[in-house]
Amino acid sequence: MSKAEENVVLIDNKEVKVSELTNEQLYFTQQIQDLQNKQARINFELDQVNASLSVFRNALLESYKKTVAESEEVEVTKKKEKVN
């Protein structure tokens, strides 16, 4: 790999060549990269969870409204039968 293509990391707003890092610093950069990947994956999954929660909450609400409407219809029918 030529020096023009050498990988760099940003530390304290400064580009530092990976080859200049100590083993410890390289380990830290690998940990950071892995954690950033996990964070992105978790955020992606969280978007899916939030969308699914919205669907199920709406389904529950519609089901409940339907049950309430049906119950009210039964009550109206019972009242009409009492009057007749």
C-alpha atoms as a PDB file:
ATOM      1  CA  MET A   1       0.000   0.000   0.000  1.00  0.00           C
ATOM      2  CA  SER A   2       1.512   3.333  -0.942  1.00  0.00           C
ATOM      3  CA  LYS A   3       1.721   6.161   1.556  1.00  0.00           C
ATOM      4  CA  ALA A   4      -0.926   8.099  -0.403  1.00  0.00           C
ATOM      5  CA  GLU A   5      -3.363   5.242   0.233  1.00  0.00           C
ATOM      6  CA  GLU A   6      -2.451   4.592   3.862  1.00  0.00           C
ATOM      7  CA  ASN A   7      -5.365   4.371   6.277  1.00  0.00           C
ATOM      8  CA  VAL A   8      -5.804   7.193   8.742  1.00  0.00           C
ATOM      9  CA  VAL A   9      -7.934   7.713  11.826  1.00  0.00           C
ATOM     10  CA  LEU A  10      -9.213  10.965  13.227  1.00  0.00           C
ATOM     11  CA  ILE A  11      -7.986  11.635  16.761  1.00  0.00           C
ATOM     12  CA  ASP A  12      -8.644  14.988  18.378  1.00  0.00           C
ATOM     13  CA  ASN A  13      -9.594  16.426  14.957  1.00  0.00           C
ATOM     14  CA  LYS A  14      -6.225  15.343  13.533  1.00  0.00           C
ATOM     15  CA  GLU A  15      -5.624  12.676  10.905  1.00  0.00           C
ATOM     16  CA  VAL A  16      -3.177  10.085  12.224  1.00  0.00           C
ATOM     17  CA  LYS A  17      -1.737   7.275  10.113  1.00  0.00           C
ATOM     18  CA  VAL A  18      -2.729   3.858  11.382  1.00  0.00           C
ATOM     19  CA  SER A  19       0.897   2.754  11.026  1.00  0.00           C
ATOM     20  CA  GLU A  20       1.867   5.392  13.612  1.00  0.00           C
ATOM     21  CA  LEU A  21      -0.462   3.994  16.281  1.00  0.00           C
ATOM     22  CA  THR A  22       0.723   1.812  19.122  1.00  0.00           C
ATOM     23  CA  ASN A  23      -0.822  -1.630  19.509  1.00  0.00           C
ATOM     24  CA  GLU A  24      -2.954  -0.279  22.332  1.00  0.00           C
ATOM     25  CA  GLN A  25      -4.179   2.644  20.212  1.00  0.00           C
ATOM     26  CA  LEU A  26      -4.896   0.307  17.307  1.00  0.00           C
ATOM     27  CA  TYR A  27      -6.894  -1.905  19.656  1.00  0.00           C
ATOM     28  CA  PHE A  28      -8.900   1.129  20.824  1.00  0.00           C
ATOM     29  CA  THR A  29      -9.637   2.183  17.236  1.00  0.00           C
ATOM     30  CA  GLN A  30     -10.813  -1.350  16.423  1.00  0.00           C
ATOM     31  CA  GLN A  31     -13.052  -1.326  19.482  1.00  0.00           C
ATOM     32  CA  ILE A  32     -14.475   2.064  18.483  1.00  0.00           C
ATOM     33  CA  GLN A  33     -15.128   0.894  14.926  1.00  0.00           C
ATOM     34  CA  ASP A  34     -16.841  -2.275  16.150  1.00  0.00           C
ATOM     35  CA  LEU A  35     -18.985  -0.310  18.609  1.00  0.00           C
ATOM     36  CA  GLN A  36     -19.972   2.198  15.915  1.00  0.00           C
ATOM     37  CA  ASN A  37     -21.042  -0.699  13.695  1.00  0.00           C
ATOM     38  CA  LYS A  38     -23.067  -2.191  16.551  1.00  0.00           C
ATOM     39  CA  GLN A  39     -24.641   1.196  17.267  1.00  0.00           C
ATOM     40  CA  ALA A  40     -25.690   1.558  13.624  1.00  0.00           C
ATOM     41  CA  ARG A  41     -27.109  -1.983  13.598  1.00  0.00           C
ATOM     42  CA  ILE A  42     -28.995  -1.387  16.867  1.00  0.00           C
ATOM     43  CA  ASN A  43     -30.404   1.913  15.590  1.00  0.00           C
ATOM     44  CA  PHE A  44     -31.525   0.112  12.419  1.00  0.00           C
ATOM     45  CA  GLU A  45     -33.239  -2.569  14.495  1.00  0.00           C
ATOM     46  CA  LEU A  46     -34.754   0.080  16.781  1.00  0.00           C
ATOM     47  CA  ASP A  47     -36.337   1.739  13.750  1.00  0.00           C
ATOM     48  CA  GLN A  48     -37.932  -1.620  12.908  1.00  0.00           C
ATOM     49  CA  VAL A  49     -39.116  -2.124  16.488  1.00  0.00           C
ATOM     50  CA  ASN A  50     -40.632   1.359  16.653  1.00  0.00           C
ATOM     51  CA  ALA A  51     -42.440   0.850  13.350  1.00  0.00           C
ATOM     52  CA  SER A  52     -43.782  -2.523  14.521  1.00  0.00           C
ATOM     53  CA  LEU A  53     -44.876  -1.069  17.859  1.00  0.00           C
ATOM     54  CA  SER A  54     -46.814   1.605  16.009  1.00  0.00           C
ATOM     55  CA  VAL A  55     -48.581  -1.009  13.888  1.00  0.00           C
ATOM     56  CA  PHE A  56     -49.566  -3.112  16.904  1.00  0.00           C
ATOM     57  CA  ARG A  57     -50.673  -0.096  18.940  1.00  0.00           C
ATOM     58  CA  ASN A  58     -52.874   1.022  16.067  1.00  0.00           C
ATOM     59  CA  ALA A  59     -54.249  -2.505  15.674  1.00  0.00           C
ATOM     60  CA  LEU A  60     -55.077  -2.637  19.388  1.00  0.00           C
ATOM     61  CA  LEU A  61     -56.792   0.741  19.233  1.00  0.00           C
ATOM     62  CA  GLU A  62     -58.877  -0.232  16.195  1.00  0.00           C
ATOM     63  CA  SER A  63     -59.816  -3.544  17.802  1.00  0.00           C
ATOM     64  CA  TYR A  64     -60.813  -1.790  21.010  1.00  0.00           C
ATOM     65  CA  LYS A  65     -62.869   0.810  19.135  1.00  0.00           C
ATOM     66  CA  LYS A  66     -64.648  -1.980  17.259  1.00  0.00           C
ATOM     67  CA  THR A  67     -65.432  -3.787  20.525  1.00  0.00           C
ATOM     68  CA  VAL A  68     -66.738  -0.585  22.113  1.00  0.00           C
ATOM     69  CA  ALA A  69     -68.883   0.174  19.049  1.00  0.00           C
ATOM     70  CA  GLU A  70     -70.326  -3.348  19.057  1.00  0.00           C
ATOM     71  CA  SER A  71     -71.017  -3.132  22.791  1.00  0.00           C
ATOM     72  CA  GLU A  72     -72.792   0.192  22.321  1.00  0.00           C
ATOM     73  CA  GLU A  73     -74.921  -1.316  19.535  1.00  0.00           C
ATOM     74  CA  VAL A  74     -75.954  -4.153  21.847  1.00  0.00           C
ATOM     75  CA  GLU A  75     -76.905  -1.655  24.558  1.00  0.00           C
ATOM     76  CA  VAL A  76     -78.996   0.389  22.101  1.00  0.00           C
ATOM     77  CA  THR A  77     -80.744  -2.776  20.919  1.00  0.00           C
ATOM     78  CA  LYS A  78     -81.487  -3.847  24.503  1.00  0.00           C
ATOM     79  CA  LYS A  79     -82.923  -0.406  25.313  1.00  0.00           C
ATOM     80  CA  LYS A  80     -85.125  -0.507  22.212  1.00  0.00           C
ATOM     81  CA  GLU A  81     -86.392  -3.962  23.176  1.00  0.00           C
ATOM     82  CA  LYS A  82     -87.288  -2.718  26.667  1.00  0.00           C
ATOM     83  CA  VAL A  83     -89.231   0.192  25.210  1.00  0.00           C
ATOM     84  CA  ASN A  84     -91.210  -2.043  22.858  1.00  0.00           C
END
